[in-house]
Protein backbone atom coordinates (compact mmCIF):
# COMPACT_ATOMS: atom_id res chain seq x y z
CA MET A 1 -35.48 4.74 -115.62
CA GLN A 2 -35.59 2.16 -112.84
CA TYR A 3 -33.66 2.49 -109.57
CA TYR A 4 -34.05 0.27 -106.52
CA GLY A 5 -33.11 1.28 -102.97
CA ASN A 6 -30.87 4.16 -101.93
CA VAL A 7 -28.24 5.71 -104.17
CA PHE A 8 -24.63 5.34 -102.99
CA ARG A 9 -21.72 6.68 -104.98
CA PRO A 10 -18.21 8.10 -104.41
CA PRO A 11 -17.97 11.88 -103.83
CA SER A 12 -16.16 12.32 -107.15
CA GLU A 13 -19.16 10.84 -109.02
CA ALA A 14 -21.56 13.58 -107.85
CA ARG A 15 -22.31 14.76 -111.39
CA SER A 16 -22.16 11.36 -113.05
CA LEU A 17 -25.04 9.46 -114.59
CA ILE A 18 -25.56 6.56 -112.17
CA ILE A 19 -26.73 3.35 -113.81
CA GLN A 20 -27.67 0.46 -111.53
CA ALA A 21 -26.10 -2.80 -112.68
CA THR A 22 -26.69 -4.70 -109.45
CA VAL A 23 -29.07 -4.12 -106.58
CA GLY A 24 -27.10 -4.16 -103.35
CA CYS A 25 -23.76 -5.83 -102.68
CA SER A 26 -22.91 -9.48 -103.33
CA HIS A 27 -20.87 -9.73 -100.10
CA ASN A 28 -22.95 -7.56 -97.75
CA ASN A 29 -21.51 -9.12 -94.57
CA CYS A 30 -19.24 -6.33 -93.32
CA THR A 31 -20.11 -5.63 -89.69
CA PHE A 32 -19.65 -1.85 -89.99
CA CYS A 33 -21.41 -1.22 -93.31
CA TYR A 34 -25.01 0.00 -93.39
CA MET A 35 -25.31 0.76 -97.09
CA TYR A 36 -27.09 -2.27 -98.52
CA LYS A 37 -28.43 -4.05 -95.43
CA ASP A 38 -32.04 -3.56 -96.56
CA ASP A 39 -31.46 -4.84 -100.10
CA ASP A 40 -31.48 -8.44 -101.29
CA PHE A 41 -28.63 -8.73 -103.75
CA ARG A 42 -29.44 -9.37 -107.37
CA ILE A 43 -27.95 -8.67 -110.77
CA ARG A 44 -30.25 -6.65 -112.98
CA SER A 45 -31.00 -8.03 -116.40
CA LEU A 46 -28.81 -6.83 -119.24
CA GLU A 47 -31.99 -5.79 -121.08
CA ASP A 48 -33.08 -3.51 -118.23
CA ILE A 49 -29.65 -1.93 -117.86
CA LYS A 50 -29.45 -1.15 -121.55
CA LYS A 51 -33.00 0.17 -121.49
CA ASP A 52 -32.02 2.67 -118.78
CA LEU A 53 -29.01 3.78 -120.81
CA VAL A 54 -31.09 4.33 -123.93
CA GLU A 55 -33.82 6.15 -122.00
CA MET A 56 -31.35 8.52 -120.32
CA SER A 57 -29.47 9.20 -123.53
CA SER A 58 -31.79 12.13 -124.27
CA TYR A 59 -29.72 13.90 -121.59
CA ARG A 60 -26.41 12.72 -123.02
CA ASP A 61 -24.99 16.22 -123.44
CA TYR A 62 -25.18 16.78 -119.68
CA PHE A 63 -23.05 13.80 -118.67
CA GLU A 64 -19.31 13.39 -119.07
CA ARG A 65 -19.05 10.46 -116.66
CA ILE A 66 -21.06 7.32 -115.96
CA PHE A 67 -20.90 5.34 -112.72
CA LEU A 68 -22.08 1.73 -112.62
CA ALA A 69 -23.76 0.97 -109.28
CA ASP A 70 -24.47 -0.66 -106.78
CA GLY A 71 -21.87 -2.21 -104.51
CA ASP A 72 -19.86 -4.21 -107.02
CA ALA A 73 -20.84 -4.00 -110.67
CA LEU A 74 -17.71 -5.97 -111.57
CA VAL A 75 -19.51 -9.10 -110.35
CA LEU A 76 -21.35 -9.15 -113.69
CA LYS A 77 -20.23 -11.52 -116.40
CA THR A 78 -17.47 -9.99 -118.48
CA GLU A 79 -19.43 -10.30 -121.73
CA ASP A 80 -22.42 -8.51 -120.17
CA LEU A 81 -20.19 -5.70 -118.91
CA ILE A 82 -18.68 -5.36 -122.38
CA GLU A 83 -22.17 -5.09 -123.86
CA ILE A 84 -22.99 -2.33 -121.36
CA LEU A 85 -19.78 -0.47 -122.18
CA ARG A 86 -20.47 -0.71 -125.91
CA THR A 87 -23.98 0.66 -125.34
CA ILE A 88 -22.46 3.60 -123.49
CA LYS A 89 -20.09 4.26 -126.39
CA LYS A 90 -22.99 4.18 -128.83
CA TYR A 91 -25.35 6.50 -126.97
CA TYR A 92 -22.99 8.72 -124.95
CA PRO A 93 -20.26 10.12 -127.22
CA ASN A 94 -19.40 12.87 -124.71
CA VAL A 95 -18.66 10.49 -121.82
CA ASN A 96 -14.94 10.48 -121.02
CA ARG A 97 -14.96 8.13 -118.01
CA VAL A 98 -16.86 5.05 -116.90
CA SER A 99 -16.23 3.72 -113.40
CA SER A 100 -17.67 1.36 -110.81
CA TYR A 101 -17.25 -0.02 -107.33
CA ALA A 102 -15.31 -3.28 -107.38
CA THR A 103 -14.52 -5.67 -104.57
CA ALA A 104 -11.08 -7.21 -104.55
CA GLN A 105 -12.85 -10.57 -104.71
CA ASP A 106 -14.46 -9.57 -108.02
CA ILE A 107 -11.12 -8.48 -109.45
CA ASN A 108 -9.42 -11.71 -108.41
CA ARG A 109 -12.23 -13.84 -109.87
CA LYS A 110 -11.66 -12.38 -113.32
CA SER A 111 -8.67 -13.29 -115.41
CA LEU A 112 -6.12 -10.67 -116.38
CA ASP A 113 -7.30 -11.01 -119.98
CA GLU A 114 -10.90 -10.27 -118.94
CA LEU A 115 -9.81 -7.21 -117.00
CA LYS A 116 -7.78 -5.94 -119.95
CA ARG A 117 -10.77 -6.38 -122.26
CA LEU A 118 -12.98 -4.38 -119.89
CA ARG A 119 -10.38 -1.64 -119.75
CA GLU A 120 -10.08 -1.57 -123.55
CA GLU A 121 -13.87 -1.32 -123.87
CA GLY A 122 -13.95 1.81 -121.72
CA LEU A 123 -14.16 0.91 -118.03
CA GLU A 124 -11.49 3.24 -116.64
CA MET A 125 -11.62 3.49 -112.84
CA LEU A 126 -12.35 1.00 -110.05
CA TYR A 127 -13.31 2.12 -106.54
CA ILE A 128 -12.06 -0.43 -104.03
CA GLY A 129 -12.80 -0.47 -100.30
CA PHE A 130 -9.67 -1.51 -98.42
CA GLU A 131 -11.06 -0.22 -95.11
CA THR A 132 -7.99 -1.57 -93.26
CA GLY A 133 -4.71 -3.38 -93.78
CA ASP A 134 -4.92 -5.10 -90.40
CA GLU A 135 -5.35 -8.82 -91.13
CA GLU A 136 -7.00 -9.54 -87.77
CA LEU A 137 -9.38 -6.62 -88.14
CA LEU A 138 -10.34 -7.74 -91.65
CA LYS A 139 -11.55 -10.99 -90.09
CA GLU A 140 -13.36 -9.22 -87.26
CA ILE A 141 -15.33 -6.99 -89.60
CA LYS A 142 -16.08 -9.98 -91.88
CA LYS A 143 -14.62 -8.34 -94.94
CA GLY A 144 -14.13 -11.75 -96.54
CA ILE A 145 -10.66 -11.06 -97.86
CA THR A 146 -7.04 -11.15 -96.77
CA TYR A 147 -4.21 -8.64 -96.96
CA GLU A 148 -2.47 -10.64 -99.69
CA GLU A 149 -5.66 -10.91 -101.74
CA TYR A 150 -5.85 -7.12 -101.74
CA VAL A 151 -2.27 -6.95 -102.98
CA THR A 152 -3.03 -9.46 -105.75
CA ALA A 153 -6.20 -7.61 -106.81
CA MET A 154 -4.42 -4.26 -107.00
CA LYS A 155 -1.57 -5.75 -109.00
CA LYS A 156 -4.03 -7.23 -111.51
CA ALA A 157 -6.05 -4.02 -111.76
CA LYS A 158 -2.93 -1.96 -112.43
CA GLU A 159 -1.54 -4.43 -114.94
CA ALA A 160 -4.87 -4.30 -116.78
CA GLY A 161 -4.55 -0.52 -116.98
CA PHE A 162 -7.21 0.61 -114.50
CA LYS A 163 -7.01 3.68 -112.33
CA THR A 164 -7.70 2.68 -108.74
CA SER A 165 -9.39 4.70 -106.02
CA VAL A 166 -9.16 3.18 -102.55
CA THR A 167 -10.94 3.99 -99.28
CA ILE A 168 -9.66 3.39 -95.76
CA ILE A 169 -11.39 4.09 -92.44
CA ALA A 170 -9.95 5.79 -89.36
CA GLY A 171 -11.38 4.43 -86.11
CA LEU A 172 -12.42 1.07 -87.56
CA GLY A 173 -10.39 -0.78 -84.95
CA GLY A 174 -11.82 1.21 -82.06
CA VAL A 175 -9.72 2.94 -79.41
CA GLU A 176 -7.61 -0.12 -78.65
CA GLY A 177 -6.76 -0.81 -82.29
CA MET A 178 -5.97 2.74 -83.40
CA GLU A 179 -2.20 2.45 -83.86
CA LYS A 180 -2.34 -1.05 -85.31
CA ASN A 181 -5.01 -0.03 -87.81
CA ALA A 182 -3.00 3.05 -88.85
CA VAL A 183 0.36 1.30 -89.23
CA ARG A 184 -0.90 -1.82 -91.01
CA THR A 185 -3.16 0.14 -93.31
CA ALA A 186 -0.20 2.39 -94.19
CA LYS A 187 1.73 -0.76 -95.07
CA LEU A 188 -1.02 -2.00 -97.41
CA VAL A 189 -1.33 1.37 -99.12
CA SER A 190 2.46 1.62 -99.44
CA GLU A 191 2.60 -1.81 -101.06
CA THR A 192 -0.27 -1.24 -103.51
CA LYS A 193 0.13 2.49 -104.27
CA PRO A 194 -3.39 3.38 -105.49
CA ASP A 195 -3.91 6.36 -107.78
CA PHE A 196 -6.38 7.92 -105.35
CA LEU A 197 -6.87 7.42 -101.61
CA GLY A 198 -9.92 8.52 -99.62
CA TYR A 199 -9.61 8.54 -95.83
CA LEU A 200 -13.00 8.18 -94.12
CA THR A 201 -13.92 8.32 -90.44
CA MET A 202 -15.71 5.44 -88.73
CA ARG A 203 -19.44 5.90 -88.19
CA ILE A 204 -21.79 3.53 -86.39
CA TYR A 205 -25.32 2.78 -87.61
CA LYS A 206 -28.14 0.98 -85.87
CA ASN A 207 -28.69 -1.52 -88.66
CA THR A 208 -25.15 -2.90 -88.39
CA PRO A 209 -23.72 -5.68 -86.17
CA LEU A 210 -21.10 -3.22 -84.94
CA TYR A 211 -23.83 -1.18 -83.26
CA SER A 212 -24.50 -4.02 -80.80
CA ASP A 213 -20.79 -4.12 -79.93
CA TYR A 214 -20.86 -0.37 -79.39
CA ILE A 215 -23.90 -0.51 -77.10
CA SER A 216 -22.43 -3.37 -75.07
CA GLY A 217 -19.13 -1.54 -74.67
CA LYS A 218 -17.15 -4.12 -76.63
CA PHE A 219 -16.34 -1.53 -79.28
CA LYS A 220 -15.10 1.83 -78.04
CA MET A 221 -15.41 4.59 -80.61
CA PRO A 222 -12.44 7.01 -80.75
CA ASP A 223 -13.27 10.66 -80.25
CA ALA A 224 -12.34 13.40 -82.71
CA GLY A 225 -8.86 13.92 -81.28
CA GLU A 226 -8.10 10.20 -81.28
CA ILE A 227 -9.29 9.88 -84.87
CA LEU A 228 -6.90 12.61 -85.97
CA GLU A 229 -4.06 11.03 -84.00
CA GLU A 230 -4.70 7.80 -85.90
CA MET A 231 -4.66 9.61 -89.23
CA LYS A 232 -1.40 11.28 -88.22
CA ILE A 233 0.18 7.89 -87.44
CA PHE A 234 -0.95 6.64 -90.84
CA LEU A 235 0.64 9.59 -92.61
CA GLU A 236 3.86 9.12 -90.66
CA HIS A 237 4.15 5.54 -91.92
CA VAL A 238 2.74 5.62 -95.46
CA ASP A 239 5.00 5.64 -98.52
CA SER A 240 2.90 5.89 -101.68
CA GLU A 241 4.52 8.34 -104.08
CA GLY A 242 2.06 9.91 -106.51
CA THR A 243 -1.14 8.91 -104.70
CA VAL A 244 -3.76 11.67 -104.56
CA PHE A 245 -4.87 11.91 -100.92
CA ARG A 246 -8.22 13.23 -99.70
CA SER A 247 -10.17 13.33 -96.43
CA ASN A 248 -13.11 15.33 -97.77
CA HIS A 249 -15.90 12.91 -96.91
CA ALA A 250 -18.81 14.16 -94.80
CA SER A 251 -17.61 11.90 -91.98
CA ASN A 252 -14.22 13.56 -91.57
CA TYR A 253 -13.31 15.87 -88.69
CA VAL A 254 -10.82 17.77 -90.83
CA LEU A 255 -10.62 18.39 -94.57
CA LEU A 256 -7.27 17.38 -96.05
CA ALA A 257 -6.07 17.36 -99.63
CA GLY A 258 -2.66 16.73 -101.13
CA ASN A 259 -0.41 14.35 -102.97
CA LEU A 260 1.69 11.65 -101.37
CA ASN A 261 4.47 11.74 -100.58
CA GLU A 262 5.32 15.37 -101.39
CA ASP A 263 2.56 16.88 -99.23
CA ARG A 264 2.76 14.39 -96.38
CA LEU A 265 4.48 16.73 -93.91
CA ASP A 266 2.03 19.53 -94.68
CA LEU A 267 -0.88 17.13 -94.10
CA ILE A 268 0.59 16.10 -90.75
CA LYS A 269 1.05 19.75 -89.77
CA ALA A 270 -2.58 20.46 -90.67
CA ILE A 271 -3.69 17.66 -88.36
CA GLU A 272 -1.44 18.92 -85.56
CA LYS A 273 -2.85 22.43 -85.98
CA THR A 274 -6.42 21.12 -85.79
CA LEU A 275 -5.58 19.06 -82.70
CA LYS A 276 -4.05 22.08 -81.00
CA LYS A 277 -6.98 24.39 -81.75
CA LYS A 278 -9.60 21.63 -81.44
CA ASN A 279 -11.51 23.21 -84.31
CA PHE A 280 -12.98 19.95 -85.59
CA ARG A 281 -15.62 20.12 -88.28
CA PRO A 282 -18.96 20.70 -86.49
CA ASP A 283 -21.05 19.20 -89.26
CA VAL A 284 -19.40 15.79 -89.19
CA LEU A 285 -21.89 12.94 -89.59
CA ARG A 286 -21.76 10.75 -86.51
CA GLY A 287 -24.06 7.91 -87.52
CA PHE A 288 -26.87 6.30 -85.49
């Protein structure tokens, strides 16, 4: 089996078979993201992808889920993705979920009919990085998408029948942008209502443009207490009934789990308790 570069996958795909459909990310311009900076983007050949699936099928009984990597497998042609999904059906009868990262740009480039076909062929969940709902911040971090394009992509994904898992990042706007990032991101989540929501904490890495802003003092990183205050503001403003909420990433200063909106007050109380005791997670990954 061939695999190029580092392996990146959502926490919930820890036991999944990871099949690389693309190397790197087709956008790869986000100022904060370190994940694929060392990889030149390319789409792997359909022949090679299918070869990996066939080769790994000797372990088929071990896997119940398959994750299509890297940064945005949905960039592949629809017919090629369908061929991959049909190969999975043929060789992995025990697999009950196939998922992938997907940029909102990829979703919007495909027609609703294409998305429905992919869903019918077995692609079930899309992981989408919102990062923020702040329109100005989206431009600053060079995300390459607007607030409204996120809304359109989520509407299409839901109409096609996909489950959606979204990530947002506390601290992305720095100290000065904390409240704005929290409130505007809460608005985007409230409007799109993803099935799952992962709240990450901002980390800074040397191979990112944001690192230069941090060193120069242009970007001021919030401390642990400020990060939790931002998360609290988000929870006070979000309205996304039924969304499964998690802050269980290695970057987080506190582990939170619950369902919106029913557990929102309990989540806020947990943050307040952590702030009062200052018992932040000591093993949080700080970047660099």
